[in-house]
Protein backbone atom coordinates (compact mmCIF):
# COMPACT_ATOMS: atom_id res chain seq x y z
CA UNK A 1 146.53 130.51 126.20
CA UNK A 2 147.60 130.62 129.84
CA UNK A 3 151.15 130.75 131.14
CA UNK A 4 152.47 127.54 132.68
CA UNK A 5 152.37 127.58 136.48
CA UNK A 6 156.10 126.87 136.64
CA UNK A 7 158.42 123.97 136.12
CA UNK A 8 156.85 120.56 136.67
CA UNK A 9 157.48 119.15 140.08
CA UNK A 10 160.04 116.41 140.42
CA UNK A 11 159.08 113.03 141.90
CA UNK A 12 161.70 111.46 144.20
CA UNK A 13 161.55 107.86 145.45
CA UNK A 14 163.51 107.05 148.61
CA UNK A 15 164.57 103.63 149.85
CA UNK A 16 162.66 101.31 147.52
CA UNK A 17 164.16 97.79 147.30
CA UNK A 18 161.23 95.52 146.51
CA UNK A 19 157.84 95.31 144.77
CA UNK A 20 156.56 98.35 146.65
CA UNK A 21 158.38 100.33 143.94
CA UNK A 22 155.86 99.18 141.31
CA UNK A 23 152.93 100.00 143.61
CA UNK A 24 154.32 103.53 144.01
CA UNK A 25 154.78 103.86 140.23
CA UNK A 26 151.12 102.95 139.69
CA UNK A 27 149.98 105.53 142.24
CA UNK A 28 152.44 108.42 141.78
CA UNK A 29 153.93 107.79 138.34
CA UNK A 30 157.56 107.11 137.62
CA UNK A 31 160.21 108.85 139.67
CA UNK A 32 162.60 111.43 138.28
CA UNK A 33 165.23 110.46 140.84
CA UNK A 34 165.60 107.32 142.95
CA UNK A 35 167.45 107.90 146.20
CA UNK A 36 168.71 104.71 147.76
CA UNK A 37 168.75 106.36 151.19
CA UNK A 38 167.48 109.51 152.87
CA UNK A 39 170.97 111.00 152.91
CA UNK A 40 172.52 114.46 152.56
CA UNK A 41 172.12 114.45 148.78
CA UNK A 42 168.48 113.37 148.90
CA UNK A 43 167.60 116.04 151.45
CA UNK A 44 169.28 118.77 149.41
CA UNK A 45 167.98 117.58 146.00
CA UNK A 46 164.34 118.03 146.98
CA UNK A 47 162.78 121.30 145.86
CA UNK A 48 159.92 123.13 147.58
CA UNK A 49 157.25 121.80 145.18
CA UNK A 50 158.69 118.30 144.72
CA UNK A 51 156.92 115.11 145.72
CA UNK A 52 158.93 112.65 147.83
CA UNK A 53 157.68 109.07 148.17
CA UNK A 54 159.30 107.01 150.93
CA UNK A 55 159.36 103.21 151.05
CA UNK A 56 159.48 103.54 154.85
CA UNK A 57 159.20 106.50 157.18
CA UNK A 58 159.01 110.15 156.17
CA UNK A 59 161.12 113.30 155.94
CA UNK A 60 161.52 113.45 159.73
CA UNK A 61 163.68 110.33 159.83
CA UNK A 62 167.38 110.90 160.53
CA UNK A 63 169.65 111.24 157.53
CA UNK A 64 171.75 108.18 156.71
CA UNK A 65 175.30 108.30 158.05
CA UNK A 66 176.69 107.36 154.62
CA UNK A 67 175.66 108.78 151.26
CA UNK A 68 174.50 106.48 148.47
CA UNK A 69 174.52 107.00 144.73
CA UNK A 70 171.23 108.16 143.27
CA UNK A 71 169.63 106.99 140.05
CA UNK A 72 168.36 109.59 137.59
CA UNK A 73 165.67 108.45 135.15
CA UNK A 74 167.76 109.80 132.25
CA UNK A 75 170.30 107.04 132.95
CA UNK A 76 167.64 104.37 132.45
CA UNK A 77 166.77 105.18 128.84
């Protein structure tokens, strides 16, 4: 039996407000964390092996001036 490669990567969704969320779920699976904006917390929550799915733009976009609360999948169950 082989050793696991490491902790599973975390999937982050950023900025989803409409039906594109369900398209992303079908393609990438459910998110672990939903970030309402690409803000300070979102930038610093992402680990080196994590997958970040943006509704618009990418990681080069400027951080939001105001932080927003994030949604953790554990709160949804």
